[in-house]
Amino acid sequence: MRGQLPVLIRTSLINTPDIELWPHGLLQARSNHDARLLARAHRVFRRKRDGRYLAAATAAGLTPLLHGWQREPGIDAAIAALAAHRAPPAAIGSPALGLPLDRLQRLLDTLGIDDGYGRETRLPLVAEPTELAFAGFDRYHRALWLQHGAARAWSRMQAAALNDDVVLEAISGYRSHDYQFGIFQRKLARGQTVAGILAVNAAPGYSEHHSGCALDIGAPGEPPAEECFEHTGAFAWLTAHAGDHGFRMSYPRDNPHGIVYEPWHWYWIGGAERSRCDTAA
């Protein structure tokens, strides 16, 4: 099966500790009022902890999408990041810098997770990038964000697989610390314990997905993030060719981190940006 791969949009997600600045056209309007503003906005300020839209940056300036947005924690840093953003993604040859980790420590403290978790799992803390590239859409038509080098490598790898009649689907890419924390909050609300959740989910700050260099990959018609992915043609192709594109499987059987076998989880360490992404491995 051959087809047309989506062309990468030359735009990026500007990332700050509390707020993401999304580019035009990638967020769904939640009301008629939002729709009119989003249609005119070149950036939308989106609160990371719950996804609420705060304000729209238009040619006329910043327009509120939420009452009291000026008092939001981190809003000054987000406005400064927007003002400082000048170079288009295509002109950026080096990886994005990492955001500070001090806010992450507060999330871990809330869950009662201390440094012992990192020592036990041998997983490093992973900072979020200050900028991420749009890398198309995932299986669920959500925007897929990766570091710039990883996005280019993913596009090339998808095209190479398609040339061999193999379709690779992205299940998920970048995830924020807040997103991971939200997973814990929802499971705790259903009566699970932190220890039980840690058996299947990495603690906030310890997931490779925070780096923008990790991808969960699937195949059409197959369930996402299941061990049966290893029996697909997509997995066979990745095993043979992913290394040519700078990707490696992070969690094989009996990995030193004690993480369950994840044949769907692949991490980009190749190219000129190897050192930045490799720090999160």
Protein backbone atom coordinates (compact mmCIF):
# COMPACT_ATOMS: atom_id res chain seq x y z
CA MET A 1 0.00 0.00 0.00
CA ARG A 2 1.39 3.34 -1.05
CA GLY A 3 0.08 6.81 -0.31
CA GLN A 4 0.87 10.43 0.26
CA LEU A 5 2.55 11.33 3.53
CA PRO A 6 1.53 14.61 5.18
CA VAL A 7 3.93 17.47 4.59
CA LEU A 8 5.44 18.84 7.80
CA ILE A 9 4.10 22.29 8.60
CA ARG A 10 6.94 24.71 9.18
CA THR A 11 5.81 25.84 12.59
CA SER A 12 6.53 25.04 16.18
CA LEU A 13 5.19 24.81 19.70
CA ILE A 14 6.75 27.37 22.05
CA ASN A 15 7.01 25.71 25.45
CA THR A 16 7.22 27.35 28.88
CA PRO A 17 6.92 25.73 32.33
CA ASP A 18 3.21 26.50 32.81
CA ILE A 19 1.90 27.51 29.39
CA GLU A 20 2.24 26.25 25.80
CA LEU A 21 1.98 28.63 22.85
CA TRP A 22 0.26 26.77 20.02
CA PRO A 23 0.46 27.90 16.39
CA HIS A 24 -2.55 28.80 14.28
CA GLY A 25 -4.82 26.05 13.01
CA LEU A 26 -3.98 23.14 15.32
CA LEU A 27 -6.44 23.67 18.17
CA GLN A 28 -10.15 22.88 18.09
CA ALA A 29 -12.53 25.70 19.02
CA ARG A 30 -14.75 24.95 22.01
CA SER A 31 -17.29 27.72 21.43
CA ASN A 32 -18.34 30.18 18.73
CA HIS A 33 -16.46 32.90 20.60
CA ASP A 34 -13.29 30.79 20.62
CA ALA A 35 -13.74 29.89 16.95
CA ARG A 36 -13.75 33.54 15.87
CA LEU A 37 -10.63 34.32 17.87
CA LEU A 38 -8.75 31.17 16.95
CA ALA A 39 -9.38 31.92 13.28
CA ARG A 40 -7.50 35.23 13.67
CA ALA A 41 -4.82 34.08 16.10
CA HIS A 42 -1.26 33.31 15.13
CA ARG A 43 -0.61 31.84 18.60
CA VAL A 44 -2.87 30.54 21.37
CA PHE A 45 -1.80 30.49 25.03
CA ARG A 46 -2.83 27.07 26.42
CA ARG A 47 -2.56 26.17 30.12
CA LYS A 48 -0.62 22.93 30.44
CA ARG A 49 -2.21 21.48 33.55
CA ASP A 50 -5.72 21.25 32.08
CA GLY A 51 -5.56 22.42 28.45
CA ARG A 52 -7.63 25.59 28.98
CA TYR A 53 -7.18 28.32 26.38
CA LEU A 54 -6.06 31.55 28.06
CA ALA A 55 -5.52 34.15 25.34
CA ALA A 56 -5.06 34.53 21.61
CA ALA A 57 -2.21 36.49 20.06
CA THR A 58 -3.62 38.32 17.02
CA ALA A 59 -2.52 41.21 14.86
CA ALA A 60 -4.42 43.46 17.26
CA GLY A 61 -2.56 42.13 20.32
CA LEU A 62 -3.46 39.67 23.09
CA THR A 63 -7.17 38.92 23.37
CA PRO A 64 -8.59 36.99 26.35
CA LEU A 65 -10.11 33.54 25.99
CA LEU A 66 -10.40 33.08 29.77
CA HIS A 67 -11.37 35.70 32.34
CA GLY A 68 -8.44 36.68 34.53
CA TRP A 69 -5.81 35.20 32.19
CA GLN A 70 -3.39 38.02 33.08
CA ARG A 71 -3.07 36.54 36.60
CA GLU A 72 -2.22 33.03 35.43
CA PRO A 73 1.02 31.59 36.88
CA GLY A 74 3.71 31.74 34.22
CA ILE A 75 1.90 34.17 31.93
CA ASP A 76 4.75 36.70 31.98
CA ALA A 77 7.24 33.98 30.98
CA ALA A 78 4.94 32.91 28.15
CA ILE A 79 4.58 36.46 26.83
CA ALA A 80 8.36 36.91 27.00
CA ALA A 81 8.90 33.63 25.13
CA LEU A 82 6.54 34.76 22.37
CA ALA A 83 8.33 38.10 22.07
CA ALA A 84 11.70 36.35 21.87
CA HIS A 85 10.59 33.85 19.21
CA ARG A 86 11.93 34.92 15.85
CA ALA A 87 13.65 32.17 13.84
CA PRO A 88 11.46 29.72 11.87
CA PRO A 89 12.00 26.02 12.69
CA ALA A 90 13.77 25.38 9.37
CA ALA A 91 16.50 27.80 10.44
CA ILE A 92 17.09 26.07 13.76
CA GLY A 93 19.96 23.62 13.52
CA SER A 94 20.52 22.90 17.20
CA PRO A 95 18.20 21.20 19.69
CA ALA A 96 15.94 23.19 21.96
CA LEU A 97 17.14 24.02 25.44
CA GLY A 98 15.50 22.31 28.40
CA LEU A 99 13.05 24.01 30.75
CA PRO A 100 13.91 24.25 34.48
CA LEU A 101 13.01 21.26 36.64
CA ASP A 102 12.06 23.11 39.85
CA ARG A 103 8.33 23.02 39.09
CA LEU A 104 8.56 19.28 38.42
CA GLN A 105 9.82 18.71 41.94
CA ARG A 106 6.57 20.12 43.30
CA LEU A 107 4.58 17.60 41.24
CA LEU A 108 6.72 14.73 42.52
CA ASP A 109 6.37 15.94 46.10
CA THR A 110 2.59 15.97 45.69
CA LEU A 111 2.72 12.29 44.72
CA GLY A 112 5.22 11.41 47.46
CA ILE A 113 7.88 10.32 44.94
CA ASP A 114 11.45 11.06 46.02
CA ASP A 115 14.93 10.60 44.51
CA GLY A 116 14.82 6.92 45.39
CA TYR A 117 12.60 6.29 42.38
CA GLY A 118 15.29 7.48 39.98
CA ARG A 119 17.99 5.45 41.69
CA GLU A 120 15.88 2.30 41.69
CA THR A 121 14.80 2.54 38.05
CA ARG A 122 18.06 4.10 36.74
CA LEU A 123 15.91 6.59 34.86
CA PRO A 124 17.17 10.19 34.65
CA LEU A 125 15.00 13.25 35.08
CA VAL A 126 14.02 14.59 31.66
CA ALA A 127 13.53 18.31 31.02
CA GLU A 128 10.92 19.50 28.54
CA PRO A 129 12.27 21.30 25.45
CA THR A 130 11.66 25.01 25.06
CA GLU A 131 10.46 24.41 21.48
CA LEU A 132 9.00 21.51 19.54
CA ALA A 133 8.32 20.95 15.84
CA PHE A 134 5.00 19.91 14.37
CA ALA A 135 5.51 16.39 12.99
CA GLY A 136 2.08 15.69 11.49
CA PHE A 137 -0.78 14.01 13.29
CA ASP A 138 -0.99 10.83 15.31
CA ARG A 139 -3.52 8.00 14.87
CA TYR A 140 -6.15 10.04 16.72
CA HIS A 141 -5.57 13.16 14.62
CA ARG A 142 -3.89 14.95 17.50
CA ALA A 143 -0.94 17.22 16.72
CA LEU A 144 2.32 15.29 17.06
CA TRP A 145 5.17 17.30 18.58
CA LEU A 146 8.84 16.27 18.50
CA GLN A 147 12.20 17.98 18.67
CA HIS A 148 13.13 19.30 15.22
CA GLY A 149 15.68 16.63 14.39
CA ALA A 150 13.41 13.85 15.61
CA ALA A 151 10.53 15.25 13.54
CA ARG A 152 12.60 15.22 10.38
CA ALA A 153 13.88 11.71 11.10
CA TRP A 154 10.33 10.45 11.77
CA SER A 155 9.11 11.90 8.47
CA ARG A 156 11.97 10.26 6.56
CA MET A 157 11.44 6.94 8.33
CA GLN A 158 7.70 6.94 7.61
CA ALA A 159 8.41 7.62 3.94
CA ALA A 160 11.05 4.86 3.75
CA ALA A 161 8.66 2.37 5.33
CA LEU A 162 5.84 3.37 3.00
CA ASN A 163 8.18 2.81 0.07
CA ASP A 164 8.42 -0.78 1.33
CA ASP A 165 4.61 -0.98 1.63
CA VAL A 166 4.72 -0.66 5.43
CA VAL A 167 2.59 1.93 7.23
CA LEU A 168 3.93 3.33 10.49
CA GLU A 169 1.44 5.21 12.66
CA ALA A 170 2.40 7.54 15.48
CA ILE A 171 0.45 6.79 18.65
CA SER A 172 2.01 9.58 20.70
CA GLY A 173 5.12 11.75 20.87
CA TYR A 174 5.98 14.57 23.26
CA ARG A 175 4.15 14.61 26.60
CA SER A 176 4.55 17.32 29.22
CA HIS A 177 5.27 16.74 32.90
CA ASP A 178 1.73 18.00 33.57
CA TYR A 179 0.26 15.42 31.19
CA GLN A 180 2.05 12.63 33.05
CA PHE A 181 0.95 14.08 36.39
CA GLY A 182 -2.62 14.12 35.10
CA ILE A 183 -2.43 10.38 34.42
CA PHE A 184 -1.57 9.84 38.08
CA GLN A 185 -4.34 12.17 39.28
CA ARG A 186 -7.00 10.38 37.24
CA LYS A 187 -5.88 6.94 38.40
CA LEU A 188 -5.66 8.04 42.03
CA ALA A 189 -9.22 9.38 41.76
CA ARG A 190 -10.29 5.89 40.66
CA GLY A 191 -8.80 4.41 43.82
CA GLN A 192 -5.41 3.23 42.59
CA THR A 193 -2.24 3.73 44.61
CA VAL A 194 0.89 5.57 43.54
CA ALA A 195 2.87 2.30 43.84
CA GLY A 196 0.38 0.55 41.60
CA ILE A 197 0.44 3.30 39.00
CA LEU A 198 4.26 3.29 38.95
CA ALA A 199 4.14 -0.36 37.90
CA VAL A 200 2.81 0.70 34.49
CA ASN A 201 3.52 4.46 34.19
CA ALA A 202 6.80 6.32 34.64
CA ALA A 203 6.75 9.05 37.26
CA PRO A 204 6.33 12.61 35.95
CA GLY A 205 9.72 13.82 34.77
CA TYR A 206 11.12 10.34 34.12
CA SER A 207 9.44 9.51 30.82
CA GLU A 208 11.41 9.67 27.56
CA HIS A 209 8.34 11.27 26.00
CA HIS A 210 9.12 14.51 27.88
CA SER A 211 12.23 14.95 25.72
CA GLY A 212 10.40 15.23 22.40
CA CYS A 213 12.58 12.45 21.00
CA ALA A 214 10.39 9.42 21.82
CA LEU A 215 7.56 7.93 19.79
CA ASP A 216 5.01 5.23 20.42
CA ILE A 217 4.49 3.58 17.03
CA GLY A 218 1.63 1.43 15.86
CA ALA A 219 0.26 -0.29 12.77
CA PRO A 220 -3.19 0.21 11.19
CA GLY A 221 -5.81 -2.06 12.68
CA GLU A 222 -3.62 -3.07 15.62
CA PRO A 223 -4.31 -2.07 19.25
CA PRO A 224 -2.01 0.70 20.54
CA ALA A 225 0.83 0.05 22.97
CA GLU A 226 0.36 -3.72 23.20
CA GLU A 227 3.02 -6.44 23.16
CA CYS A 228 1.32 -8.02 20.13
CA PHE A 229 2.82 -5.19 18.05
CA GLU A 230 5.97 -7.33 17.84
CA HIS A 231 4.12 -9.70 15.48
CA THR A 232 3.34 -7.00 12.90
CA GLY A 233 5.14 -6.18 9.69
CA ALA A 234 5.67 -2.67 11.04
CA PHE A 235 7.70 -4.02 13.96
CA ALA A 236 9.72 -6.30 11.66
CA TRP A 237 10.51 -3.28 9.46
CA LEU A 238 11.52 -1.16 12.46
CA THR A 239 13.77 -3.91 13.78
CA ALA A 240 15.57 -4.03 10.45
CA HIS A 241 15.64 -0.34 9.51
CA ALA A 242 14.90 2.03 12.43
CA GLY A 243 18.59 2.24 13.32
CA ASP A 244 19.29 3.65 9.85
CA HIS A 245 17.15 6.63 10.81
CA GLY A 246 18.61 7.09 14.29
CA PHE A 247 15.84 5.32 16.25
CA ARG A 248 16.25 2.52 18.79
CA MET A 249 13.80 0.53 20.89
CA SER A 250 14.11 1.78 24.47
CA TYR A 251 12.66 -1.06 26.53
CA PRO A 252 13.45 -4.54 25.25
CA ARG A 253 12.79 -7.56 27.41
CA ASP A 254 14.78 -7.64 30.66
CA ASN A 255 15.85 -4.00 30.34
CA PRO A 256 17.80 -2.55 33.31
CA HIS A 257 15.03 -0.08 34.19
CA GLY A 258 12.52 -2.76 35.15
CA ILE A 259 10.05 -1.39 32.60
CA VAL A 260 7.78 -3.88 30.86
CA TYR A 261 8.69 -4.91 27.32
CA GLU A 262 7.54 -2.11 24.97
CA PRO A 263 8.10 -3.04 21.33
CA TRP A 264 6.08 0.05 20.32
CA HIS A 265 8.33 2.62 22.06
CA TRP A 266 11.20 4.03 19.93
CA TYR A 267 13.64 6.82 20.72
CA TRP A 268 15.63 9.05 18.38
CA ILE A 269 19.32 9.40 19.19
CA GLY A 270 20.72 10.07 15.72
CA GLY A 271 22.03 13.00 13.75
CA ALA A 272 23.63 16.24 14.84
CA GLU A 273 21.32 16.53 17.85
CA ARG A 274 22.33 13.18 19.30
CA SER A 275 23.87 14.59 22.47
CA ARG A 276 20.75 16.56 23.48
CA CYS A 277 18.30 13.71 22.99
CA ASP A 278 20.70 11.08 24.31
CA THR A 279 20.74 12.79 27.72
CA ALA A 280 17.16 11.63 28.21
CA ALA A 281 17.84 8.01 27.31
